[in-house]
Amino acid sequence: FPVVSMTTMKTAILATVVASAAAFAPSKTAPTSTVLNAWIDDTVVGITAPVGFFDPLGFSKGQSDATMKYYRESELKHGRVAMAACLGWYLNAGGVHPAFNSALSNDPLKAMVELPAVGWLQFVLGCGAIEWLGQQIKERPGYVPGDLLGAAYWVDDSDEGWVSYQNKEINNGRLAMLAFAGIMYQDVFVGDYGDMMYKQLVR
């Protein structure tokens, strides 16, 4: 298989981060802000202390109800992926490899380069299958953004326990997105990973 250099991998990672950020850029044609205000008033999930309505870059300003639901779906998806990525990163950095006889590097970025083509094929097909299934689930009547298991059919946001659970998931996802950005920075620009993550702070 062709060998991919770490420089090429770092460039690809940075390009992916930029492209992901661009995907959340607000639309140029925006409805009035009263639509957003109504959406905030009707929403009890994701608006928690101490930050309240979490939108530090103002992407939601003037957006429609449909766009806000899309943003919530995207936030949940990215948060879930980030939580899984943080867990997978430290398992890999700790020497736990589920395949290839643990022959891959403990540095997750180097392990990406070393991963055989068959491993990438499994990864792409697996992610594609999950995305396809998610799209089918969204066609259900009454679908709530991010609710892939159909919990909204059994409980709604009038249940304080359910709202608390959803807020915990969103807040943990937000933290995981920030944490993984820091993890990536440390490995790409400093070269530290795993239990060496905070070495720069204790030198």
N, C-alpha and C. Protein backbone atom coordinates (compact mmCIF):
# COMPACT_ATOMS: atom_id res chain seq x y z
N PHE A 1 0.84 -1.19 0.00
CA PHE A 1 0.00 0.00 0.00
C PHE A 1 0.88 1.25 0.00
N PRO A 2 0.42 2.36 -0.62
CA PRO A 2 1.24 3.57 -0.64
C PRO A 2 1.43 4.12 0.76
N VAL A 3 2.59 4.70 1.00
CA VAL A 3 2.91 5.27 2.29
C VAL A 3 2.51 6.74 2.31
N VAL A 4 1.75 7.14 3.32
CA VAL A 4 1.31 8.52 3.47
C VAL A 4 2.18 9.19 4.51
N SER A 5 2.80 10.30 4.17
CA SER A 5 3.69 10.99 5.11
C SER A 5 2.89 11.69 6.19
N MET A 6 3.51 11.93 7.35
CA MET A 6 2.84 12.63 8.43
C MET A 6 2.52 14.06 8.03
N THR A 7 3.37 14.68 7.19
CA THR A 7 3.09 16.05 6.74
C THR A 7 1.81 16.08 5.94
N THR A 8 1.65 15.11 5.03
CA THR A 8 0.42 15.03 4.25
C THR A 8 -0.77 14.80 5.15
N MET A 9 -0.62 13.93 6.15
CA MET A 9 -1.71 13.64 7.07
C MET A 9 -2.10 14.88 7.87
N LYS A 10 -1.11 15.64 8.35
CA LYS A 10 -1.40 16.85 9.11
C LYS A 10 -2.13 17.88 8.26
N THR A 11 -1.68 18.02 7.00
CA THR A 11 -2.34 18.96 6.08
C THR A 11 -3.78 18.55 5.84
N ALA A 12 -4.02 17.25 5.68
CA ALA A 12 -5.38 16.75 5.45
C ALA A 12 -6.26 17.00 6.66
N ILE A 13 -5.70 16.81 7.86
CA ILE A 13 -6.47 17.02 9.09
C ILE A 13 -6.87 18.48 9.22
N LEU A 14 -5.92 19.39 8.98
CA LEU A 14 -6.22 20.82 9.07
C LEU A 14 -7.26 21.23 8.04
N ALA A 15 -7.16 20.69 6.83
CA ALA A 15 -8.13 21.00 5.79
C ALA A 15 -9.52 20.51 6.18
N THR A 16 -9.58 19.35 6.83
CA THR A 16 -10.85 18.81 7.27
C THR A 16 -11.49 19.68 8.33
N VAL A 17 -10.66 20.18 9.28
CA VAL A 17 -11.17 21.05 10.33
C VAL A 17 -11.74 22.33 9.74
N VAL A 18 -11.02 22.93 8.77
CA VAL A 18 -11.49 24.15 8.13
C VAL A 18 -12.79 23.91 7.38
N ALA A 19 -12.85 22.80 6.66
CA ALA A 19 -14.06 22.47 5.90
C ALA A 19 -15.24 22.24 6.82
N SER A 20 -15.00 21.60 7.97
CA SER A 20 -16.09 21.37 8.92
C SER A 20 -16.61 22.67 9.49
N ALA A 21 -15.71 23.60 9.77
CA ALA A 21 -16.13 24.90 10.30
C ALA A 21 -16.93 25.66 9.25
N ALA A 22 -16.51 25.57 8.00
CA ALA A 22 -17.21 26.29 6.92
C ALA A 22 -18.62 25.76 6.73
N ALA A 23 -18.82 24.49 7.04
CA ALA A 23 -20.15 23.89 6.85
C ALA A 23 -21.19 24.50 7.76
N PHE A 24 -20.74 25.14 8.85
CA PHE A 24 -21.67 25.73 9.79
C PHE A 24 -21.81 27.23 9.60
N ALA A 25 -21.28 27.76 8.51
CA ALA A 25 -21.41 29.19 8.25
C ALA A 25 -22.87 29.54 8.03
N PRO A 26 -23.36 30.67 8.59
CA PRO A 26 -24.77 31.03 8.45
C PRO A 26 -25.14 31.40 7.04
N SER A 27 -26.41 31.20 6.70
CA SER A 27 -26.91 31.53 5.38
C SER A 27 -26.94 33.04 5.18
N LYS A 28 -26.71 33.49 3.94
CA LYS A 28 -26.72 34.90 3.65
C LYS A 28 -28.14 35.46 3.59
N THR A 29 -29.11 34.61 3.24
CA THR A 29 -30.49 35.04 3.20
C THR A 29 -31.17 34.57 4.46
N ALA A 30 -31.37 35.48 5.41
CA ALA A 30 -31.87 35.08 6.71
C ALA A 30 -33.22 35.71 7.01
N PRO A 31 -34.14 34.96 7.62
CA PRO A 31 -35.41 35.52 8.04
C PRO A 31 -35.21 36.46 9.22
N THR A 32 -36.28 37.00 9.73
CA THR A 32 -36.18 37.94 10.84
C THR A 32 -35.78 37.22 12.10
N SER A 33 -35.23 37.96 13.06
CA SER A 33 -34.74 37.35 14.29
C SER A 33 -35.87 36.87 15.18
N THR A 34 -37.13 37.30 14.92
CA THR A 34 -38.23 36.84 15.75
C THR A 34 -38.43 35.34 15.64
N VAL A 35 -38.06 34.76 14.48
CA VAL A 35 -38.15 33.31 14.31
C VAL A 35 -37.22 32.62 15.28
N LEU A 36 -35.99 33.10 15.40
CA LEU A 36 -35.02 32.52 16.32
C LEU A 36 -35.50 32.69 17.75
N ASN A 37 -36.01 33.88 18.09
CA ASN A 37 -36.48 34.11 19.45
C ASN A 37 -37.58 33.12 19.82
N ALA A 38 -38.48 32.84 18.88
CA ALA A 38 -39.54 31.87 19.14
C ALA A 38 -38.96 30.48 19.34
N TRP A 39 -37.95 30.13 18.56
CA TRP A 39 -37.32 28.82 18.68
C TRP A 39 -36.67 28.67 20.05
N ILE A 40 -35.99 29.73 20.51
CA ILE A 40 -35.35 29.69 21.83
C ILE A 40 -36.39 29.55 22.92
N ASP A 41 -37.49 30.30 22.79
CA ASP A 41 -38.55 30.24 23.82
C ASP A 41 -39.17 28.85 23.91
N ASP A 42 -39.25 28.14 22.79
CA ASP A 42 -39.87 26.82 22.77
C ASP A 42 -38.89 25.70 23.09
N THR A 43 -37.62 26.01 23.21
CA THR A 43 -36.60 24.99 23.40
C THR A 43 -36.15 24.95 24.86
N VAL A 44 -36.17 23.75 25.44
CA VAL A 44 -35.73 23.60 26.83
C VAL A 44 -34.44 22.79 26.90
N VAL A 45 -34.03 22.22 25.79
CA VAL A 45 -32.83 21.37 25.76
C VAL A 45 -31.67 22.16 25.17
N GLY A 46 -30.52 22.10 25.85
CA GLY A 46 -29.32 22.74 25.34
C GLY A 46 -29.10 24.16 25.83
N ILE A 47 -30.06 24.71 26.53
CA ILE A 47 -29.92 26.06 27.08
C ILE A 47 -29.72 25.91 28.58
N THR A 48 -28.47 25.87 28.99
CA THR A 48 -28.13 25.56 30.38
C THR A 48 -27.18 26.60 30.96
N ALA A 49 -27.19 26.71 32.27
CA ALA A 49 -26.26 27.59 32.98
C ALA A 49 -24.85 27.01 32.85
N PRO A 50 -23.80 27.82 32.85
CA PRO A 50 -23.84 29.27 33.02
C PRO A 50 -23.92 30.06 31.71
N VAL A 51 -23.83 29.40 30.55
CA VAL A 51 -23.75 30.14 29.29
C VAL A 51 -25.11 30.44 28.69
N GLY A 52 -26.17 29.73 29.14
CA GLY A 52 -27.48 29.96 28.56
C GLY A 52 -27.56 29.41 27.14
N PHE A 53 -28.05 30.23 26.21
CA PHE A 53 -28.14 29.80 24.81
C PHE A 53 -26.74 29.82 24.21
N PHE A 54 -26.22 28.63 23.90
CA PHE A 54 -24.82 28.48 23.50
C PHE A 54 -24.67 28.71 21.99
N ASP A 55 -24.19 29.89 21.63
CA ASP A 55 -23.93 30.21 20.23
C ASP A 55 -22.85 31.29 20.19
N PRO A 56 -21.61 30.93 20.57
CA PRO A 56 -20.54 31.94 20.70
C PRO A 56 -20.21 32.67 19.41
N LEU A 57 -20.44 32.06 18.24
CA LEU A 57 -20.10 32.71 16.97
C LEU A 57 -21.31 33.32 16.27
N GLY A 58 -22.47 33.23 16.87
CA GLY A 58 -23.64 33.87 16.31
C GLY A 58 -24.19 33.25 15.05
N PHE A 59 -23.94 31.96 14.82
CA PHE A 59 -24.42 31.30 13.61
C PHE A 59 -25.95 31.24 13.54
N SER A 60 -26.61 31.27 14.68
CA SER A 60 -28.06 31.11 14.69
C SER A 60 -28.82 32.41 14.42
N LYS A 61 -28.13 33.51 14.37
CA LYS A 61 -28.80 34.80 14.23
C LYS A 61 -29.63 34.86 12.94
N GLY A 62 -30.93 35.08 13.10
CA GLY A 62 -31.82 35.23 11.95
C GLY A 62 -32.14 33.96 11.22
N GLN A 63 -31.82 32.80 11.79
CA GLN A 63 -32.05 31.54 11.08
C GLN A 63 -33.47 31.02 11.28
N SER A 64 -33.94 30.23 10.33
CA SER A 64 -35.29 29.68 10.38
C SER A 64 -35.35 28.49 11.34
N ASP A 65 -36.57 28.05 11.64
CA ASP A 65 -36.77 26.91 12.51
C ASP A 65 -36.13 25.66 11.92
N ALA A 66 -36.26 25.48 10.61
CA ALA A 66 -35.68 24.30 9.95
C ALA A 66 -34.16 24.31 10.06
N THR A 67 -33.56 25.50 9.90
CA THR A 67 -32.11 25.61 10.00
C THR A 67 -31.64 25.33 11.42
N MET A 68 -32.39 25.83 12.41
CA MET A 68 -32.01 25.60 13.80
C MET A 68 -32.09 24.12 14.15
N LYS A 69 -33.07 23.40 13.60
CA LYS A 69 -33.16 21.96 13.84
C LYS A 69 -31.97 21.25 13.20
N TYR A 70 -31.57 21.75 12.02
CA TYR A 70 -30.39 21.17 11.36
C TYR A 70 -29.13 21.40 12.20
N TYR A 71 -29.02 22.61 12.76
CA TYR A 71 -27.86 22.91 13.61
C TYR A 71 -27.85 22.01 14.85
N ARG A 72 -29.03 21.80 15.46
CA ARG A 72 -29.08 20.94 16.63
C ARG A 72 -28.71 19.50 16.28
N GLU A 73 -29.19 19.03 15.14
CA GLU A 73 -28.83 17.69 14.67
C GLU A 73 -27.31 17.58 14.48
N SER A 74 -26.73 18.61 13.87
CA SER A 74 -25.28 18.61 13.61
C SER A 74 -24.50 18.66 14.91
N GLU A 75 -24.97 19.47 15.87
CA GLU A 75 -24.28 19.58 17.15
C GLU A 75 -24.28 18.24 17.88
N LEU A 76 -25.43 17.58 17.89
CA LEU A 76 -25.51 16.28 18.55
C LEU A 76 -24.60 15.25 17.87
N LYS A 77 -24.63 15.23 16.54
CA LYS A 77 -23.81 14.26 15.81
C LYS A 77 -22.32 14.50 16.06
N HIS A 78 -21.89 15.76 15.95
CA HIS A 78 -20.48 16.07 16.18
C HIS A 78 -20.09 15.78 17.63
N GLY A 79 -20.98 16.08 18.56
CA GLY A 79 -20.68 15.81 19.96
C GLY A 79 -20.53 14.33 20.24
N ARG A 80 -21.41 13.51 19.66
CA ARG A 80 -21.32 12.06 19.86
C ARG A 80 -20.05 11.49 19.24
N VAL A 81 -19.73 11.96 18.04
CA VAL A 81 -18.50 11.50 17.40
C VAL A 81 -17.29 11.91 18.22
N ALA A 82 -17.30 13.15 18.74
CA ALA A 82 -16.17 13.64 19.53
C ALA A 82 -16.00 12.84 20.82
N MET A 83 -17.11 12.48 21.47
CA MET A 83 -17.01 11.67 22.69
C MET A 83 -16.42 10.30 22.37
N ALA A 84 -16.88 9.69 21.28
CA ALA A 84 -16.33 8.40 20.88
C ALA A 84 -14.86 8.53 20.49
N ALA A 85 -14.51 9.66 19.83
CA ALA A 85 -13.13 9.87 19.40
C ALA A 85 -12.19 10.02 20.60
N CYS A 86 -12.65 10.75 21.62
CA CYS A 86 -11.81 10.91 22.82
C CYS A 86 -11.56 9.56 23.49
N LEU A 87 -12.63 8.76 23.60
CA LEU A 87 -12.47 7.43 24.19
C LEU A 87 -11.53 6.57 23.35
N GLY A 88 -11.76 6.55 22.04
CA GLY A 88 -10.92 5.75 21.16
C GLY A 88 -9.47 6.19 21.16
N TRP A 89 -9.27 7.52 21.25
CA TRP A 89 -7.90 8.06 21.25
C TRP A 89 -7.10 7.51 22.43
N TYR A 90 -7.69 7.58 23.63
CA TYR A 90 -6.93 7.17 24.81
C TYR A 90 -6.81 5.66 24.92
N LEU A 91 -7.77 4.93 24.37
CA LEU A 91 -7.61 3.47 24.32
C LEU A 91 -6.44 3.11 23.40
N ASN A 92 -6.39 3.78 22.25
CA ASN A 92 -5.29 3.53 21.30
C ASN A 92 -3.96 3.96 21.90
N ALA A 93 -3.95 5.15 22.50
CA ALA A 93 -2.71 5.66 23.11
C ALA A 93 -2.25 4.77 24.26
N GLY A 94 -3.20 4.07 24.88
CA GLY A 94 -2.86 3.17 25.97
C GLY A 94 -2.44 1.79 25.50
N GLY A 95 -2.39 1.58 24.19
CA GLY A 95 -1.92 0.32 23.65
C GLY A 95 -3.01 -0.69 23.32
N VAL A 96 -4.28 -0.23 23.37
CA VAL A 96 -5.38 -1.14 23.08
C VAL A 96 -5.77 -1.00 21.61
N HIS A 97 -5.53 -2.04 20.82
CA HIS A 97 -5.88 -2.04 19.40
C HIS A 97 -6.82 -3.21 19.14
N PRO A 98 -8.00 -2.97 18.62
CA PRO A 98 -8.95 -4.07 18.43
C PRO A 98 -8.63 -4.99 17.25
N ALA A 99 -7.67 -4.59 16.43
CA ALA A 99 -7.39 -5.41 15.24
C ALA A 99 -5.91 -5.34 14.90
N PHE A 100 -5.51 -6.12 13.92
CA PHE A 100 -4.15 -6.14 13.38
C PHE A 100 -3.11 -6.50 14.44
N ASN A 101 -3.53 -7.35 15.39
CA ASN A 101 -2.60 -7.89 16.40
C ASN A 101 -1.86 -6.80 17.18
N SER A 102 -2.52 -5.67 17.37
CA SER A 102 -1.95 -4.53 18.12
C SER A 102 -0.61 -4.09 17.54
N ALA A 103 -0.47 -4.25 16.21
CA ALA A 103 0.80 -3.91 15.57
C ALA A 103 0.89 -2.43 15.19
N LEU A 104 -0.21 -1.69 15.30
CA LEU A 104 -0.19 -0.29 14.91
C LEU A 104 0.43 0.57 16.01
N SER A 105 0.87 1.77 15.64
CA SER A 105 1.50 2.68 16.59
C SER A 105 0.54 3.08 17.70
N ASN A 106 1.09 3.37 18.87
CA ASN A 106 0.26 3.88 19.97
C ASN A 106 -0.13 5.34 19.74
N ASP A 107 0.58 6.03 18.86
CA ASP A 107 0.19 7.39 18.47
C ASP A 107 -0.96 7.25 17.47
N PRO A 108 -2.17 7.69 17.83
CA PRO A 108 -3.32 7.48 16.94
C PRO A 108 -3.13 8.06 15.55
N LEU A 109 -2.44 9.19 15.40
CA LEU A 109 -2.24 9.75 14.07
C LEU A 109 -1.31 8.88 13.23
N LYS A 110 -0.27 8.33 13.85
CA LYS A 110 0.61 7.42 13.13
C LYS A 110 -0.12 6.11 12.81
N ALA A 111 -1.00 5.70 13.73
CA ALA A 111 -1.78 4.49 13.48
C ALA A 111 -2.69 4.67 12.27
N MET A 112 -3.19 5.91 12.06
CA MET A 112 -4.00 6.18 10.88
C MET A 112 -3.21 5.95 9.60
N VAL A 113 -1.96 6.38 9.62
CA VAL A 113 -1.10 6.21 8.45
C VAL A 113 -0.79 4.74 8.22
N GLU A 114 -0.61 4.00 9.30
CA GLU A 114 -0.23 2.58 9.21
C GLU A 114 -1.42 1.67 8.91
N LEU A 115 -2.62 2.17 9.07
CA LEU A 115 -3.81 1.33 8.89
C LEU A 115 -3.90 0.83 7.46
N PRO A 116 -3.99 -0.47 7.24
CA PRO A 116 -4.08 -1.02 5.87
C PRO A 116 -5.36 -0.56 5.17
N ALA A 117 -5.35 -0.69 3.86
CA ALA A 117 -6.50 -0.24 3.07
C ALA A 117 -7.78 -0.97 3.47
N VAL A 118 -7.68 -2.24 3.84
CA VAL A 118 -8.87 -2.98 4.23
C VAL A 118 -9.49 -2.40 5.50
N GLY A 119 -8.64 -1.85 6.37
CA GLY A 119 -9.15 -1.20 7.58
C GLY A 119 -9.90 0.08 7.25
N TRP A 120 -9.35 0.87 6.32
CA TRP A 120 -10.03 2.09 5.89
C TRP A 120 -11.34 1.75 5.19
N LEU A 121 -11.35 0.67 4.43
CA LEU A 121 -12.57 0.26 3.73
C LEU A 121 -13.67 -0.08 4.74
N GLN A 122 -13.31 -0.82 5.77
CA GLN A 122 -14.28 -1.15 6.82
C GLN A 122 -14.78 0.11 7.51
N PHE A 123 -13.88 1.04 7.76
CA PHE A 123 -14.25 2.28 8.44
C PHE A 123 -15.24 3.09 7.60
N VAL A 124 -14.93 3.25 6.30
CA VAL A 124 -15.78 4.04 5.41
C VAL A 124 -17.15 3.38 5.23
N LEU A 125 -17.16 2.07 5.03
CA LEU A 125 -18.42 1.36 4.85
C LEU A 125 -19.26 1.39 6.12
N GLY A 126 -18.61 1.26 7.27
CA GLY A 126 -19.34 1.31 8.53
C GLY A 126 -19.98 2.67 8.76
N CYS A 127 -19.20 3.74 8.54
CA CYS A 127 -19.74 5.10 8.70
C CYS A 127 -20.85 5.36 7.69
N GLY A 128 -20.66 4.88 6.46
CA GLY A 128 -21.68 5.06 5.44
C GLY A 128 -22.98 4.36 5.80
N ALA A 129 -22.88 3.16 6.36
CA ALA A 129 -24.07 2.42 6.76
C ALA A 129 -24.82 3.15 7.87
N ILE A 130 -24.07 3.71 8.82
CA ILE A 130 -24.70 4.46 9.91
C ILE A 130 -25.39 5.71 9.38
N GLU A 131 -24.73 6.40 8.45
CA GLU A 131 -25.33 7.61 7.86
C GLU A 131 -26.59 7.26 7.08
N TRP A 132 -26.55 6.17 6.32
CA TRP A 132 -27.73 5.76 5.56
C TRP A 132 -28.89 5.42 6.49
N LEU A 133 -28.59 4.69 7.56
CA LEU A 133 -29.63 4.33 8.52
C LEU A 133 -30.21 5.58 9.17
N GLY A 134 -29.34 6.53 9.50
CA GLY A 134 -29.80 7.78 10.10
C GLY A 134 -30.74 8.54 9.18
N GLN A 135 -30.42 8.56 7.89
CA GLN A 135 -31.28 9.26 6.92
C GLN A 135 -32.65 8.58 6.83
N GLN A 136 -32.68 7.26 6.90
CA GLN A 136 -33.96 6.54 6.86
C GLN A 136 -34.80 6.85 8.09
N ILE A 137 -34.14 6.92 9.24
CA ILE A 137 -34.85 7.19 10.50
C ILE A 137 -35.45 8.59 10.48
N LYS A 138 -34.77 9.55 9.85
CA LYS A 138 -35.26 10.92 9.79
C LYS A 138 -36.56 11.06 9.02
N GLU A 139 -36.89 10.07 8.21
CA GLU A 139 -38.12 10.12 7.43
C GLU A 139 -39.35 9.79 8.27
N ARG A 140 -39.15 9.35 9.49
CA ARG A 140 -40.30 9.02 10.34
C ARG A 140 -41.09 10.27 10.68
N PRO A 141 -42.41 10.18 10.75
CA PRO A 141 -43.21 11.34 11.17
C PRO A 141 -42.91 11.70 12.62
N GLY A 142 -42.80 12.97 12.89
CA GLY A 142 -42.55 13.42 14.26
C GLY A 142 -41.11 13.27 14.71
N TYR A 143 -40.19 13.10 13.76
CA TYR A 143 -38.78 12.90 14.12
C TYR A 143 -38.23 14.13 14.84
N VAL A 144 -37.53 13.90 15.93
CA VAL A 144 -36.87 14.96 16.70
C VAL A 144 -35.38 14.92 16.39
N PRO A 145 -34.76 16.07 16.07
CA PRO A 145 -33.33 16.08 15.71
C PRO A 145 -32.46 15.32 16.70
N GLY A 146 -31.69 14.37 16.18
CA GLY A 146 -30.76 13.62 17.00
C GLY A 146 -31.34 12.39 17.68
N ASP A 147 -32.66 12.22 17.62
CA ASP A 147 -33.31 11.12 18.33
C ASP A 147 -33.37 9.89 17.43
N LEU A 148 -32.25 9.24 17.21
CA LEU A 148 -32.18 8.11 16.30
C LEU A 148 -32.81 6.85 16.86
N LEU A 149 -32.98 6.77 18.17
CA LEU A 149 -33.55 5.57 18.79
C LEU A 149 -35.05 5.70 19.03
N GLY A 150 -35.64 6.84 18.70
CA GLY A 150 -37.08 7.00 18.81
C GLY A 150 -37.60 7.23 20.21
N ALA A 151 -36.78 7.78 21.10
CA ALA A 151 -37.21 8.02 22.48
C ALA A 151 -38.36 9.01 22.55
N ALA A 152 -38.43 9.93 21.57
CA ALA A 152 -39.48 10.96 21.59
C ALA A 152 -40.87 10.37 21.46
N TYR A 153 -40.98 9.13 21.00
CA TYR A 153 -42.28 8.49 20.91
C TYR A 153 -42.79 8.04 22.28
N TRP A 154 -41.88 7.97 23.25
CA TRP A 154 -42.25 7.45 24.57
C TRP A 154 -42.19 8.51 25.65
N VAL A 155 -41.39 9.54 25.44
CA VAL A 155 -41.24 10.59 26.45
C VAL A 155 -40.99 11.91 25.74
N ASP A 156 -41.45 13.01 26.34
CA ASP A 156 -41.24 14.32 25.71
C ASP A 156 -40.54 15.25 26.70
N ASP A 157 -40.36 16.50 26.28
CA ASP A 157 -39.57 17.45 27.07
C ASP A 157 -40.31 18.00 28.28
N SER A 158 -41.51 17.49 28.54
CA SER A 158 -42.19 17.86 29.78
C SER A 158 -41.66 17.04 30.96
N ASP A 159 -40.90 15.99 30.64
CA ASP A 159 -40.28 15.14 31.67
C ASP A 159 -38.93 15.74 32.04
N GLU A 160 -38.79 16.22 33.27
CA GLU A 160 -37.56 16.88 33.70
C GLU A 160 -36.36 15.94 33.65
N GLY A 161 -36.58 14.67 33.97
CA GLY A 161 -35.48 13.71 33.93
C GLY A 161 -34.95 13.53 32.51
N TRP A 162 -35.85 13.49 31.53
CA TRP A 162 -35.46 13.33 30.14
C TRP A 162 -34.72 14.57 29.63
N VAL A 163 -35.21 15.74 30.03
CA VAL A 163 -34.55 16.98 29.65
C VAL A 163 -33.14 17.03 30.25
N SER A 164 -33.02 16.61 31.51
CA SER A 164 -31.71 16.60 32.17
C SER A 164 -30.75 15.66 31.45
N TYR A 165 -31.24 14.50 31.03
CA TYR A 165 -30.40 13.55 30.30
C TYR A 165 -29.91 14.16 28.99
N GLN A 166 -30.81 14.82 28.26
CA GLN A 166 -30.45 15.42 26.98
C GLN A 166 -29.43 16.55 27.17
N ASN A 167 -29.62 17.34 28.21
CA ASN A 167 -28.67 18.44 28.48
C ASN A 167 -27.29 17.90 28.82
N LYS A 168 -27.25 16.80 29.56
CA LYS A 168 -25.96 16.19 29.89
C LYS A 168 -25.26 15.71 28.63
N GLU A 169 -26.02 15.10 27.72
CA GLU A 169 -25.41 14.62 26.49
C GLU A 169 -24.86 15.78 25.66
N ILE A 170 -25.65 16.85 25.52
CA ILE A 170 -25.21 17.99 24.72
C ILE A 170 -23.98 18.65 25.33
N ASN A 171 -24.00 18.86 26.65
CA ASN A 171 -22.87 19.53 27.30
C ASN A 171 -21.61 18.67 27.26
N ASN A 172 -21.76 17.36 27.45
CA ASN A 172 -20.60 16.48 27.34
C ASN A 172 -20.08 16.46 25.91
N GLY A 173 -20.99 16.52 24.94
CA GLY A 173 -20.57 16.57 23.54
C GLY A 173 -19.82 17.85 23.22
N ARG A 174 -20.30 18.97 23.73
CA ARG A 174 -19.62 20.25 23.51
C ARG A 174 -18.21 20.21 24.12
N LEU A 175 -18.12 19.67 25.33
CA LEU A 175 -16.81 19.56 25.98
C LEU A 175 -15.90 18.64 25.19
N ALA A 176 -16.44 17.53 24.69
CA ALA A 176 -15.62 16.57 23.94
C ALA A 176 -15.11 17.19 22.65
N MET A 177 -15.92 18.02 21.98
CA MET A 177 -15.46 18.68 20.75
C MET A 177 -14.27 19.60 21.04
N LEU A 178 -14.37 20.37 22.11
CA LEU A 178 -13.26 21.24 22.49
C LEU A 178 -12.04 20.41 22.92
N ALA A 179 -12.29 19.34 23.68
CA ALA A 179 -11.20 18.50 24.16
C ALA A 179 -10.46 17.84 22.99
N PHE A 180 -11.22 17.33 22.02
CA PHE A 180 -10.56 16.65 20.91
C PHE A 180 -9.78 17.63 20.04
N ALA A 181 -10.27 18.87 19.93
CA ALA A 181 -9.50 19.88 19.20
C ALA A 181 -8.15 20.10 19.89
N GLY A 182 -8.16 20.13 21.23
CA GLY A 182 -6.92 20.28 21.97
C GLY A 182 -6.01 19.06 21.84
N ILE A 183 -6.61 17.87 21.84
CA ILE A 183 -5.84 16.63 21.67
C ILE A 183 -5.13 16.63 20.31
N MET A 184 -5.88 17.01 19.27
CA MET A 184 -5.31 17.04 17.93
C MET A 184 -4.17 18.05 17.85
N TYR A 185 -4.37 19.22 18.46
CA TYR A 185 -3.32 20.25 18.44
C TYR A 185 -2.05 19.72 19.09
N GLN A 186 -2.21 19.08 20.25
CA GLN A 186 -1.05 18.58 20.98
C GLN A 186 -0.25 17.58 20.14
N ASP A 187 -0.97 16.67 19.47
CA ASP A 187 -0.26 15.65 18.71
C ASP A 187 0.35 16.22 17.43
N VAL A 188 -0.42 17.06 16.71
CA VAL A 188 0.05 17.58 15.43
C VAL A 188 1.19 18.57 15.61
N PHE A 189 1.08 19.49 16.56
CA PHE A 189 2.04 20.59 16.66
C PHE A 189 3.07 20.40 17.76
N VAL A 190 2.79 19.56 18.75
CA VAL A 190 3.73 19.36 19.86
C VAL A 190 4.32 17.96 19.83
N GLY A 191 3.55 17.00 19.30
CA GLY A 191 4.05 15.64 19.21
C GLY A 191 3.77 14.80 20.43
N ASP A 192 2.94 15.29 21.35
CA ASP A 192 2.62 14.54 22.56
C ASP A 192 1.22 13.94 22.43
N TYR A 193 1.02 12.79 23.00
CA TYR A 193 -0.28 12.13 22.97
C TYR A 193 -0.41 11.25 24.21
N GLY A 194 -1.60 10.75 24.46
CA GLY A 194 -1.81 9.86 25.59
C GLY A 194 -1.48 10.51 26.91
N ASP A 195 -0.73 9.80 27.78
CA ASP A 195 -0.42 10.34 29.09
C ASP A 195 0.65 11.42 29.03
N MET A 196 1.16 11.73 27.82
CA MET A 196 2.11 12.83 27.67
C MET A 196 1.42 14.14 27.30
N MET A 197 0.08 14.13 27.29
CA MET A 197 -0.68 15.24 26.78
C MET A 197 -0.34 16.56 27.47
N TYR A 198 -0.13 16.51 28.79
CA TYR A 198 0.08 17.74 29.55
C TYR A 198 1.54 17.93 29.97
N LYS A 199 2.42 17.25 29.26
CA LYS A 199 3.85 17.33 29.62
C LYS A 199 4.36 18.76 29.58
N GLN A 200 3.84 19.56 28.61
CA GLN A 200 4.30 20.93 28.47
C GLN A 200 4.01 21.76 29.73
N LEU A 201 2.97 21.37 30.48
CA LEU A 201 2.57 22.16 31.65
C LEU A 201 3.38 21.83 32.89
N VAL A 202 4.06 20.70 32.91
CA VAL A 202 4.74 20.27 34.14
C VAL A 202 6.26 20.29 33.97
N ARG A 203 6.72 20.77 32.84
CA ARG A 203 8.18 20.83 32.65
C ARG A 203 8.77 21.91 33.54
